[in-house]
Amino acid sequence: MDGICSAILNKIYALGTFGRYFVVSTEDFFEALPEGQPHDVEELEKAIKKLSSEGYIDVKYSGGNMYCVALLKEFDPEPQPQTEPECDDGLDDDYAFEERADDRRSAFWAAFAGGALGSAVICALWLILLLC
């Protein structure tokens, strides 16, 4: 599958579920193209027609620079190249680690309090049943 078809499928796949129609502009498709790929409307239309004829997508309507398309067939989405942040000072990673640690502590104390409260309720019911 060529780069344009793959980019179109990845763009529609990123929008949502299979069989659901989405309105996508040519600019949205052009943003999904790999770097260095020319933004040619005729090539885009050829690729959309090719994907439609192969059963990957359905085009409900197209007009101007808008397309109403749905993804019909499952495909193996190609992994997008991951870009490194321009300025990596290491603070974001440490902050994310601290934030996750705080979340774990909060979850622990919430679970501990819930267990203690549940045990207290059971003990109180048992004591009431013994005294009656």
Protein backbone atom coordinates (compact mmCIF):
# COMPACT_ATOMS: atom_id res chain seq x y z
CA MET A 1 0.00 0.00 0.00
CA ASP A 2 1.47 3.37 -0.96
CA GLY A 3 2.06 6.28 1.41
CA ILE A 4 -1.03 8.27 0.48
CA CYS A 5 -3.44 5.33 0.94
CA SER A 6 -1.80 4.38 4.20
CA ALA A 7 -2.01 7.95 5.50
CA ILE A 8 -5.69 8.17 4.55
CA LEU A 9 -6.50 4.90 6.33
CA ASN A 10 -4.54 5.94 9.42
CA LYS A 11 -6.35 9.29 9.53
CA ILE A 12 -9.81 7.70 9.30
CA TYR A 13 -8.80 4.98 11.77
CA ALA A 14 -7.71 7.64 14.27
CA LEU A 15 -11.10 9.35 14.09
CA GLY A 16 -13.17 6.50 15.49
CA THR A 17 -14.86 3.15 15.05
CA PHE A 18 -15.47 1.01 11.98
CA GLY A 19 -18.56 1.77 9.95
CA ARG A 20 -19.06 5.25 11.39
CA TYR A 21 -19.00 8.12 8.93
CA PHE A 22 -16.80 11.16 9.46
CA VAL A 23 -16.52 14.40 7.52
CA VAL A 24 -12.87 15.01 6.70
CA SER A 25 -11.38 17.86 4.71
CA THR A 26 -8.57 17.57 2.21
CA GLU A 27 -6.42 19.62 4.59
CA ASP A 28 -6.94 17.00 7.30
CA PHE A 29 -5.79 14.29 4.90
CA PHE A 30 -2.82 16.40 3.80
CA GLU A 31 -1.76 16.85 7.45
CA ALA A 32 -1.63 13.06 7.78
CA LEU A 33 0.66 12.61 4.77
CA PRO A 34 4.30 11.78 5.41
CA GLU A 35 6.83 14.57 5.13
CA GLY A 36 7.98 15.28 1.62
CA GLN A 37 4.76 13.98 0.08
CA PRO A 38 3.28 16.59 -2.29
CA HIS A 39 -0.16 17.91 -1.45
CA ASP A 40 -1.87 17.06 -4.74
CA VAL A 41 -5.68 16.95 -4.72
CA GLU A 42 -5.81 14.70 -7.79
CA GLU A 43 -3.54 12.12 -6.16
CA LEU A 44 -5.64 12.27 -3.01
CA GLU A 45 -8.84 11.65 -4.99
CA LYS A 46 -7.19 8.73 -6.82
CA ALA A 47 -6.14 7.19 -3.54
CA ILE A 48 -9.62 7.62 -2.05
CA LYS A 49 -11.20 6.00 -5.12
CA LYS A 50 -8.71 3.14 -4.95
CA LEU A 51 -9.43 2.52 -1.25
CA SER A 52 -13.16 2.69 -1.95
CA SER A 53 -12.94 0.20 -4.83
CA GLU A 54 -10.87 -2.20 -2.69
CA GLY A 55 -13.51 -2.03 0.06
CA TYR A 56 -11.40 -0.36 2.74
CA ILE A 57 -13.53 2.78 2.95
CA ASP A 58 -16.96 3.97 1.87
CA VAL A 59 -17.44 7.49 0.57
CA LYS A 60 -20.98 8.66 1.24
CA TYR A 61 -20.42 11.99 -0.47
CA SER A 62 -17.68 14.36 -1.47
CA GLY A 63 -17.93 17.96 -2.42
CA GLY A 64 -15.52 20.83 -2.57
CA ASN A 65 -12.73 19.85 -0.25
CA MET A 66 -14.86 17.73 2.13
CA TYR A 67 -15.38 13.96 2.20
CA CYS A 68 -17.84 11.92 4.25
CA VAL A 69 -16.02 8.61 4.72
CA ALA A 70 -16.24 5.50 6.85
CA LEU A 71 -13.65 2.80 7.48
CA LEU A 72 -15.11 -0.57 6.47
CA LYS A 73 -12.30 -3.10 6.50
CA GLU A 74 -9.78 -3.77 9.24
CA PHE A 75 -6.19 -3.15 8.38
CA ASP A 76 -2.91 -3.12 10.21
CA PRO A 77 -2.28 0.55 10.99
CA GLU A 78 1.32 1.41 10.33
CA PRO A 79 3.07 2.85 13.34
CA GLN A 80 3.63 6.55 13.08
CA PRO A 81 7.21 7.66 13.65
CA GLN A 82 7.56 9.03 17.13
CA THR A 83 9.21 12.39 17.44
CA GLU A 84 11.40 13.37 20.32
CA PRO A 85 10.59 16.57 22.18
CA GLU A 86 12.66 19.50 21.04
CA CYS A 87 13.82 20.42 24.53
CA ASP A 88 14.24 17.52 26.91
CA ASP A 89 15.40 18.69 30.32
CA GLY A 90 14.23 15.56 32.14
CA LEU A 91 11.83 17.41 34.42
CA ASP A 92 8.69 16.09 32.72
CA ASP A 93 9.69 12.47 33.33
CA ASP A 94 10.42 13.08 37.02
CA TYR A 95 7.17 14.99 37.45
CA ALA A 96 5.17 12.21 35.80
CA PHE A 97 6.84 9.65 38.10
CA GLU A 98 6.02 11.72 41.20
CA GLU A 99 2.45 12.19 40.01
CA ARG A 100 1.98 8.43 39.52
CA ALA A 101 3.45 7.76 42.98
CA ASP A 102 0.98 10.22 44.52
CA ASP A 103 -1.88 8.49 42.71
CA ARG A 104 -0.76 5.12 44.08
CA ARG A 105 -0.59 6.49 47.64
CA SER A 106 -4.07 7.98 47.29
CA ALA A 107 -5.43 4.70 45.99
CA PHE A 108 -3.82 2.81 48.87
CA TRP A 109 -5.33 5.06 51.53
CA ALA A 110 -8.74 4.97 49.87
CA ALA A 111 -8.65 1.15 49.80
CA PHE A 112 -7.43 1.03 53.40
CA ALA A 113 -10.21 3.35 54.59
CA GLY A 114 -12.84 1.36 52.67
CA GLY A 115 -11.63 -1.91 54.18
CA ALA A 116 -11.60 -0.46 57.69
CA LEU A 117 -15.09 0.99 57.30
CA GLY A 118 -16.44 -2.28 55.89
CA SER A 119 -14.93 -4.22 58.78
CA ALA A 120 -16.42 -1.80 61.30
CA VAL A 121 -19.89 -2.18 59.78
CA ILE A 122 -19.65 -5.99 59.85
CA CYS A 123 -18.43 -5.95 63.48
CA ALA A 124 -21.27 -3.62 64.48
CA LEU A 125 -23.87 -5.87 62.83
CA TRP A 126 -22.37 -8.95 64.46
CA LEU A 127 -22.42 -7.25 67.89
CA ILE A 128 -26.08 -6.26 67.41
CA LEU A 129 -26.98 -9.82 66.48
CA LEU A 130 -25.17 -11.20 69.54
CA LEU A 131 -26.92 -8.82 71.94
CA CYS A 132 -30.41 -9.58 70.57
